[in-house]
């Protein structure tokens, strides 16, 4: 099962695509409300995807910090 960051990126992308489809459907039937809902869904999807990317960035930074701490500890142990 993917981590929360990856899951947020996937659901965000899906929401973006659904919003694009809704906007196109609104254009096809000349429904301003549906077009607006589609654009709103796209923005929500982009925000969710950005949140997932940020979560993955933070997770990577935390892992790098842990690795650096472990490296420093092993150097101290050898001294």
PDB file of N, CA and C in Angstrom:
ATOM      1  N   UNK A   1       0.844  -1.185   0.000  1.00  0.00           N
ATOM      2  CA  UNK A   1       0.000   0.000   0.000  1.00  0.00           C
ATOM      3  C   UNK A   1       0.886   1.245   0.000  1.00  0.00           C
ATOM      4  N   UNK A   2       0.594   2.224  -0.874  1.00  0.00           N
ATOM      5  CA  UNK A   2       1.445   3.418  -0.941  1.00  0.00           C
ATOM      6  C   UNK A   2       1.329   4.270   0.325  1.00  0.00           C
ATOM      7  N   UNK A   3       2.381   5.026   0.598  1.00  0.00           N
ATOM      8  CA  UNK A   3       2.334   5.910   1.752  1.00  0.00           C
ATOM      9  C   UNK A   3       1.377   7.069   1.489  1.00  0.00           C
ATOM     10  N   UNK A   4       1.122   7.861   2.522  1.00  0.00           N
ATOM     11  CA  UNK A   4       0.138   8.939   2.427  1.00  0.00           C
ATOM     12  C   UNK A   4       0.490   9.943   1.339  1.00  0.00           C
ATOM     13  N   UNK A   5       1.759  10.270   1.200  1.00  0.00           N
ATOM     14  CA  UNK A   5       2.161  11.222   0.165  1.00  0.00           C
ATOM     15  C   UNK A   5       1.837  10.723  -1.229  1.00  0.00           C
ATOM     16  N   UNK A   6       2.179   9.477  -1.499  1.00  0.00           N
ATOM     17  CA  UNK A   6       1.899   8.893  -2.814  1.00  0.00           C
ATOM     18  C   UNK A   6       0.405   8.773  -3.042  1.00  0.00           C
ATOM     19  N   UNK A   7      -0.322   8.401  -1.999  1.00  0.00           N
ATOM     20  CA  UNK A   7      -1.781   8.274  -2.101  1.00  0.00           C
ATOM     21  C   UNK A   7      -2.424   9.631  -2.406  1.00  0.00           C
ATOM     22  N   UNK A   8      -1.957  10.676  -1.713  1.00  0.00           N
ATOM     23  CA  UNK A   8      -2.482  12.021  -1.957  1.00  0.00           C
ATOM     24  C   UNK A   8      -2.186  12.475  -3.383  1.00  0.00           C
ATOM     25  N   UNK A   9      -0.997  12.144  -3.877  1.00  0.00           N
ATOM     26  CA  UNK A   9      -0.662  12.515  -5.254  1.00  0.00           C
ATOM     27  C   UNK A   9      -1.587  11.818  -6.246  1.00  0.00           C
ATOM     28  N   UNK A  10      -1.856  10.538  -6.013  1.00  0.00           N
ATOM     29  CA  UNK A  10      -2.730   9.792  -6.922  1.00  0.00           C
ATOM     30  C   UNK A  10      -4.170  10.300  -6.872  1.00  0.00           C
ATOM     31  N   UNK A  11      -4.689  10.512  -5.667  1.00  0.00           N
ATOM     32  CA  UNK A  11      -6.074  10.978  -5.561  1.00  0.00           C
ATOM     33  C   UNK A  11      -6.195  12.406  -6.092  1.00  0.00           C
ATOM     34  N   UNK A  12      -5.171  13.204  -5.880  1.00  0.00           N
ATOM     35  CA  UNK A  12      -5.183  14.565  -6.418  1.00  0.00           C
ATOM     36  C   UNK A  12      -5.221  14.576  -7.933  1.00  0.00           C
ATOM     37  N   UNK A  13      -4.411  13.727  -8.534  1.00  0.00           N
ATOM     38  CA  UNK A  13      -4.375  13.643  -9.995  1.00  0.00           C
ATOM     39  C   UNK A  13      -5.722  13.156 -10.527  1.00  0.00           C
ATOM     40  N   UNK A  14      -6.317  12.195  -9.847  1.00  0.00           N
ATOM     41  CA  UNK A  14      -7.629  11.684 -10.266  1.00  0.00           C
ATOM     42  C   UNK A  14      -8.689  12.782 -10.168  1.00  0.00           C
ATOM     43  N   UNK A  15      -8.628  13.573  -9.109  1.00  0.00           N
ATOM     44  CA  UNK A  15      -9.588  14.680  -8.934  1.00  0.00           C
ATOM     45  C   UNK A  15      -9.396  15.724 -10.036  1.00  0.00           C
ATOM     46  N   UNK A  16      -8.144  15.987 -10.385  1.00  0.00           N
ATOM     47  CA  UNK A  16      -7.867  16.923 -11.486  1.00  0.00           C
ATOM     48  C   UNK A  16      -8.495  16.429 -12.783  1.00  0.00           C
ATOM     49  N   UNK A  17      -8.273  15.148 -13.087  1.00  0.00           N
ATOM     50  CA  UNK A  17      -8.807  14.578 -14.334  1.00  0.00           C
ATOM     51  C   UNK A  17     -10.334  14.600 -14.333  1.00  0.00           C
ATOM     52  N   UNK A  18     -10.933  14.260 -13.198  1.00  0.00           N
ATOM     53  CA  UNK A  18     -12.396  14.284 -13.104  1.00  0.00           C
ATOM     54  C   UNK A  18     -12.907  15.710 -13.295  1.00  0.00           C
ATOM     55  N   UNK A  19     -12.185  16.673 -12.737  1.00  0.00           N
ATOM     56  CA  UNK A  19     -12.564  18.077 -12.901  1.00  0.00           C
ATOM     57  C   UNK A  19     -12.467  18.525 -14.349  1.00  0.00           C
ATOM     58  N   UNK A  20     -11.433  18.058 -15.036  1.00  0.00           N
ATOM     59  CA  UNK A  20     -11.295  18.392 -16.458  1.00  0.00           C
ATOM     60  C   UNK A  20     -12.463  17.825 -17.249  1.00  0.00           C
ATOM     61  N   UNK A  21     -12.840  16.586 -16.941  1.00  0.00           N
ATOM     62  CA  UNK A  21     -13.961  15.953 -17.638  1.00  0.00           C
ATOM     63  C   UNK A  21     -15.260  16.698 -17.347  1.00  0.00           C
ATOM     64  N   UNK A  22     -15.448  17.088 -16.090  1.00  0.00           N
ATOM     65  CA  UNK A  22     -16.663  17.810 -15.715  1.00  0.00           C
ATOM     66  C   UNK A  22     -16.725  19.169 -16.415  1.00  0.00           C
ATOM     67  N   UNK A  23     -15.576  19.840 -16.485  1.00  0.00           N
ATOM     68  CA  UNK A  23     -15.538  21.129 -17.168  1.00  0.00           C
ATOM     69  C   UNK A  23     -15.889  20.962 -18.652  1.00  0.00           C
ATOM     70  N   UNK A  24     -15.314  19.945 -19.285  1.00  0.00           N
ATOM     71  CA  UNK A  24     -15.601  19.688 -20.709  1.00  0.00           C
ATOM     72  C   UNK A  24     -17.076  19.343 -20.909  1.00  0.00           C
ATOM     73  N   UNK A  25     -17.637  18.558 -19.995  1.00  0.00           N
ATOM     74  CA  UNK A  25     -19.057  18.219 -20.096  1.00  0.00           C
ATOM     75  C   UNK A  25     -19.910  19.479 -19.959  1.00  0.00           C
ATOM     76  N   UNK A  26     -19.531  20.349 -19.048  1.00  0.00           N
ATOM     77  CA  UNK A  26     -20.250  21.615 -18.884  1.00  0.00           C
ATOM     78  C   UNK A  26     -20.178  22.468 -20.132  1.00  0.00           C
ATOM     79  N   UNK A  27     -19.013  22.457 -20.784  1.00  0.00           N
ATOM     80  CA  UNK A  27     -18.875  23.202 -22.047  1.00  0.00           C
ATOM     81  C   UNK A  27     -19.776  22.595 -23.122  1.00  0.00           C
ATOM     82  N   UNK A  28     -19.827  21.261 -23.159  1.00  0.00           N
ATOM     83  CA  UNK A  28     -20.611  20.574 -24.191  1.00  0.00           C
ATOM     84  C   UNK A  28     -22.103  20.854 -24.069  1.00  0.00           C
ATOM     85  N   UNK A  29     -22.569  20.969 -22.825  1.00  0.00           N
ATOM     86  CA  UNK A  29     -24.007  21.214 -22.643  1.00  0.00           C
ATOM     87  C   UNK A  29     -24.311  22.659 -22.260  1.00  0.00           C
ATOM     88  N   UNK A  30     -23.283  23.504 -22.340  1.00  0.00           N
ATOM     89  CA  UNK A  30     -23.420  24.928 -22.036  1.00  0.00           C
ATOM     90  C   UNK A  30     -23.973  25.164 -20.625  1.00  0.00           C
ATOM     91  N   UNK A  31     -23.351  24.497 -19.649  1.00  0.00           N
ATOM     92  CA  UNK A  31     -23.763  24.609 -18.248  1.00  0.00           C
ATOM     93  C   UNK A  31     -22.637  25.297 -17.475  1.00  0.00           C
ATOM     94  N   UNK A  32     -22.827  26.565 -17.165  1.00  0.00           N
ATOM     95  CA  UNK A  32     -21.789  27.350 -16.481  1.00  0.00           C
ATOM     96  C   UNK A  32     -21.465  26.796 -15.098  1.00  0.00           C
ATOM     97  N   UNK A  33     -22.491  26.335 -14.393  1.00  0.00           N
ATOM     98  CA  UNK A  33     -22.268  25.805 -13.049  1.00  0.00           C
ATOM     99  C   UNK A  33     -21.382  24.553 -13.107  1.00  0.00           C
ATOM    100  N   UNK A  34     -21.658  23.665 -14.043  1.00  0.00           N
ATOM    101  CA  UNK A  34     -20.860  22.447 -14.173  1.00  0.00           C
ATOM    102  C   UNK A  34     -19.425  22.784 -14.566  1.00  0.00           C
ATOM    103  N   UNK A  35     -19.246  23.757 -15.431  1.00  0.00           N
ATOM    104  CA  UNK A  35     -17.885  24.172 -15.809  1.00  0.00           C
ATOM    105  C   UNK A  35     -17.143  24.701 -14.584  1.00  0.00           C
ATOM    106  N   UNK A  36     -17.840  25.515 -13.786  1.00  0.00           N
ATOM    107  CA  UNK A  36     -17.213  26.079 -12.589  1.00  0.00           C
ATOM    108  C   UNK A  36     -16.867  24.976 -11.583  1.00  0.00           C
ATOM    109  N   UNK A  37     -17.761  24.009 -11.416  1.00  0.00           N
ATOM    110  CA  UNK A  37     -17.482  22.888 -10.512  1.00  0.00           C
ATOM    111  C   UNK A  37     -16.268  22.102 -11.004  1.00  0.00           C
ATOM    112  N   UNK A  38     -16.162  21.925 -12.304  1.00  0.00           N
ATOM    113  CA  UNK A  38     -15.014  21.229 -12.869  1.00  0.00           C
ATOM    114  C   UNK A  38     -13.719  21.960 -12.590  1.00  0.00           C
ATOM    115  N   UNK A  39     -13.733  23.274 -12.752  1.00  0.00           N
ATOM    116  CA  UNK A  39     -12.519  24.059 -12.467  1.00  0.00           C
ATOM    117  C   UNK A  39     -12.176  23.990 -10.979  1.00  0.00           C
ATOM    118  N   UNK A  40     -13.209  24.028 -10.126  1.00  0.00           N
ATOM    119  CA  UNK A  40     -12.983  23.922  -8.683  1.00  0.00           C
ATOM    120  C   UNK A  40     -12.367  22.569  -8.336  1.00  0.00           C
ATOM    121  N   UNK A  41     -12.900  21.508  -8.927  1.00  0.00           N
ATOM    122  CA  UNK A  41     -12.346  20.175  -8.679  1.00  0.00           C
ATOM    123  C   UNK A  41     -10.897  20.086  -9.128  1.00  0.00           C
ATOM    124  N   UNK A  42     -10.559  20.741 -10.217  1.00  0.00           N
ATOM    125  CA  UNK A  42      -9.175  20.732 -10.697  1.00  0.00           C
ATOM    126  C   UNK A  42      -8.246  21.411  -9.696  1.00  0.00           C
ATOM    127  N   UNK A  43      -8.684  22.529  -9.151  1.00  0.00           N
ATOM    128  CA  UNK A  43      -7.868  23.254  -8.175  1.00  0.00           C
ATOM    129  C   UNK A  43      -7.697  22.409  -6.912  1.00  0.00           C
ATOM    130  N   UNK A  44      -8.788  21.780  -6.459  1.00  0.00           N
ATOM    131  CA  UNK A  44      -8.690  20.919  -5.277  1.00  0.00           C
ATOM    132  C   UNK A  44      -7.735  19.758  -5.533  1.00  0.00           C
ATOM    133  N   UNK A  45      -7.795  19.195  -6.720  1.00  0.00           N
ATOM    134  CA  UNK A  45      -6.902  18.096  -7.066  1.00  0.00           C
ATOM    135  C   UNK A  45      -5.447  18.529  -7.094  1.00  0.00           C
ATOM    136  N   UNK A  46      -5.197  19.705  -7.652  1.00  0.00           N
ATOM    137  CA  UNK A  46      -3.821  20.212  -7.689  1.00  0.00           C
ATOM    138  C   UNK A  46      -3.295  20.447  -6.284  1.00  0.00           C
ATOM    139  N   UNK A  47      -4.160  20.967  -5.406  1.00  0.00           N
ATOM    140  CA  UNK A  47      -3.749  21.206  -4.022  1.00  0.00           C
ATOM    141  C   UNK A  47      -3.434  19.890  -3.319  1.00  0.00           C
ATOM    142  N   UNK A  48      -4.269  18.886  -3.534  1.00  0.00           N
ATOM    143  CA  UNK A  48      -4.055  17.572  -2.915  1.00  0.00           C
ATOM    144  C   UNK A  48      -2.752  16.952  -3.422  1.00  0.00           C
ATOM    145  N   UNK A  49      -2.511  17.087  -4.717  1.00  0.00           N
ATOM    146  CA  UNK A  49      -1.283  16.540  -5.304  1.00  0.00           C
ATOM    147  C   UNK A  49      -0.059  17.264  -4.736  1.00  0.00           C
ATOM    148  N   UNK A  50      -0.145  18.580  -4.613  1.00  0.00           N
ATOM    149  CA  UNK A  50       0.969  19.358  -4.048  1.00  0.00           C
ATOM    150  C   UNK A  50       1.225  18.957  -2.600  1.00  0.00           C
ATOM    151  N   UNK A  51       0.159  18.678  -1.874  1.00  0.00           N
ATOM    152  CA  UNK A  51       0.307  18.245  -0.495  1.00  0.00           C
ATOM    153  C   UNK A  51       1.038  16.902  -0.436  1.00  0.00           C
ATOM    154  N   UNK A  52       0.693  16.009  -1.326  1.00  0.00           N
ATOM    155  CA  UNK A  52       1.369  14.720  -1.387  1.00  0.00           C
ATOM    156  C   UNK A  52       2.840  14.859  -1.712  1.00  0.00           C
ATOM    157  N   UNK A  53       3.156  15.752  -2.643  1.00  0.00           N
ATOM    158  CA  UNK A  53       4.553  15.992  -2.996  1.00  0.00           C
ATOM    159  C   UNK A  53       5.322  16.569  -1.819  1.00  0.00           C
ATOM    160  N   UNK A  54       4.683  17.477  -1.082  1.00  0.00           N
ATOM    161  CA  UNK A  54       5.333  18.066   0.095  1.00  0.00           C
ATOM    162  C   UNK A  54       5.576  17.007   1.161  1.00  0.00           C
ATOM    163  N   UNK A  55       4.589  16.129   1.361  1.00  0.00           N
ATOM    164  CA  UNK A  55       4.753  15.053   2.345  1.00  0.00           C
ATOM    165  C   UNK A  55       5.926  14.151   1.976  1.00  0.00           C
ATOM    166  N   UNK A  56       6.057  13.831   0.707  1.00  0.00           N
ATOM    167  CA  UNK A  56       7.174  12.997   0.273  1.00  0.00           C
ATOM    168  C   UNK A  56       8.507  13.714   0.447  1.00  0.00           C
ATOM    169  N   UNK A  57       8.533  15.006   0.194  1.00  0.00           N
ATOM    170  CA  UNK A  57       9.757  15.796   0.379  1.00  0.00           C
ATOM    171  C   UNK A  57      10.169  15.812   1.842  1.00  0.00           C
ATOM    172  N   UNK A  58       9.196  16.022   2.715  1.00  0.00           N
ATOM    173  CA  UNK A  58       9.486  16.041   4.153  1.00  0.00           C
ATOM    174  C   UNK A  58       9.970  14.669   4.603  1.00  0.00           C
ATOM    175  N   UNK A  59       9.317  13.618   4.126  1.00  0.00           N
ATOM    176  CA  UNK A  59       9.723  12.260   4.502  1.00  0.00           C
ATOM    177  C   UNK A  59      11.175  12.007   4.053  1.00  0.00           C
ATOM    178  N   UNK A  60      11.507  12.432   2.844  1.00  0.00           N
ATOM    179  CA  UNK A  60      12.872  12.259   2.346  1.00  0.00           C
ATOM    180  C   UNK A  60      13.882  13.030   3.179  1.00  0.00           C
ATOM    181  N   UNK A  61      13.519  14.249   3.561  1.00  0.00           N
ATOM    182  CA  UNK A  61      14.422  15.063   4.385  1.00  0.00           C
ATOM    183  C   UNK A  61      14.639  14.407   5.747  1.00  0.00           C
ATOM    184  N   UNK A  62      13.565  13.878   6.326  1.00  0.00           N
ATOM    185  CA  UNK A  62      13.692  13.200   7.617  1.00  0.00           C
ATOM    186  C   UNK A  62      14.612  11.986   7.506  1.00  0.00           C
ATOM    187  N   UNK A  63      14.475  11.237   6.416  1.00  0.00           N
ATOM    188  CA  UNK A  63      15.336  10.068   6.229  1.00  0.00           C
ATOM    189  C   UNK A  63      16.797  10.484   6.058  1.00  0.00           C
ATOM    190  N   UNK A  64      17.027  11.591   5.354  1.00  0.00           N
ATOM    191  CA  UNK A  64      18.399  12.085   5.182  1.00  0.00           C
ATOM    192  C   UNK A  64      18.994  12.512   6.515  1.00  0.00           C
ATOM    193  N   UNK A  65      18.193  13.157   7.340  1.00  0.00           N
ATOM    194  CA  UNK A  65      18.672  13.595   8.656  1.00  0.00           C
ATOM    195  C   UNK A  65      19.006  12.379   9.520  1.00  0.00           C
ATOM    196  N   UNK A  66      18.110  11.382   9.492  1.00  0.00           N
ATOM    197  CA  UNK A  66      18.382  10.160  10.268  1.00  0.00           C
ATOM    198  C   UNK A  66      19.673   9.497   9.800  1.00  0.00           C
ATOM    199  N   UNK A  67      19.863   9.446   8.482  1.00  0.00           N
ATOM    200  CA  UNK A  67      21.077   8.842   7.941  1.00  0.00           C
ATOM    201  C   UNK A  67      22.320   9.601   8.376  1.00  0.00           C
ATOM    202  N   UNK A  68      22.234  10.915   8.368  1.00  0.00           N
ATOM    203  CA  UNK A  68      23.376  11.733   8.790  1.00  0.00           C
ATOM    204  C   UNK A  68      23.663  11.518  10.275  1.00  0.00           C
ATOM    205  N   UNK A  69      22.613  11.450  11.096  1.00  0.00           N
ATOM    206  CA  UNK A  69      22.802  11.220  12.530  1.00  0.00           C
ATOM    207  C   UNK A  69      23.448   9.865  12.775  1.00  0.00           C
ATOM    208  N   UNK A  70      22.969   8.847  12.067  1.00  0.00           N
ATOM    209  CA  UNK A  70      23.543   7.509  12.225  1.00  0.00           C
ATOM    210  C   UNK A  70      25.010   7.501  11.810  1.00  0.00           C
ATOM    211  N   UNK A  71      25.322   8.213  10.740  1.00  0.00           N
ATOM    212  CA  UNK A  71      26.698   8.280  10.268  1.00  0.00           C
ATOM    213  C   UNK A  71      27.592   8.947  11.306  1.00  0.00           C
ATOM    214  N   UNK A  72      27.105  10.031  11.898  1.00  0.00           N
ATOM    215  CA  UNK A  72      27.881  10.723  12.931  1.00  0.00           C
ATOM    216  C   UNK A  72      28.062   9.842  14.159  1.00  0.00           C
ATOM    217  N   UNK A  73      27.024   9.113  14.515  1.00  0.00           N
ATOM    218  CA  UNK A  73      27.128   8.219  15.685  1.00  0.00           C
ATOM    219  C   UNK A  73      28.162   7.134  15.449  1.00  0.00           C
ATOM    220  N   UNK A  74      28.163   6.583  14.232  1.00  0.00           N
ATOM    221  CA  UNK A  74      29.134   5.503  13.963  1.00  0.00           C
ATOM    222  C   UNK A  74      30.556   6.062  13.951  1.00  0.00           C
ATOM    223  N   UNK A  75      30.737   7.297  13.538  1.00  0.00           N
ATOM    224  CA  UNK A  75      32.065   7.917  13.598  1.00  0.00           C
ATOM    225  C   UNK A  75      32.489   8.119  15.037  1.00  0.00           C
ATOM    226  N   UNK A  76      31.539   8.539  15.910  1.00  0.00           N
ATOM    227  CA  UNK A  76      31.847   8.725  17.324  1.00  0.00           C
ATOM    228  C   UNK A  76      32.223   7.395  17.977  1.00  0.00           C
ATOM    229  N   UNK A  77      31.528   6.334  17.588  1.00  0.00           N
ATOM    230  CA  UNK A  77      31.802   5.017  18.166  1.00  0.00           C
ATOM    231  C   UNK A  77      33.210   4.534  17.811  1.00  0.00           C
ATOM    232  N   UNK A  78      33.691   4.908  16.642  1.00  0.00           N
ATOM    233  CA  UNK A  78      35.027   4.482  16.203  1.00  0.00           C
ATOM    234  C   UNK A  78      36.122   5.311  16.860  1.00  0.00           C
ATOM    235  N   UNK A  79      35.766   6.459  17.390  1.00  0.00           N
ATOM    236  CA  UNK A  79      36.783   7.339  18.007  1.00  0.00           C
ATOM    237  C   UNK A  79      37.186   6.878  19.374  1.00  0.00           C
TER     238      UNK A  79
END
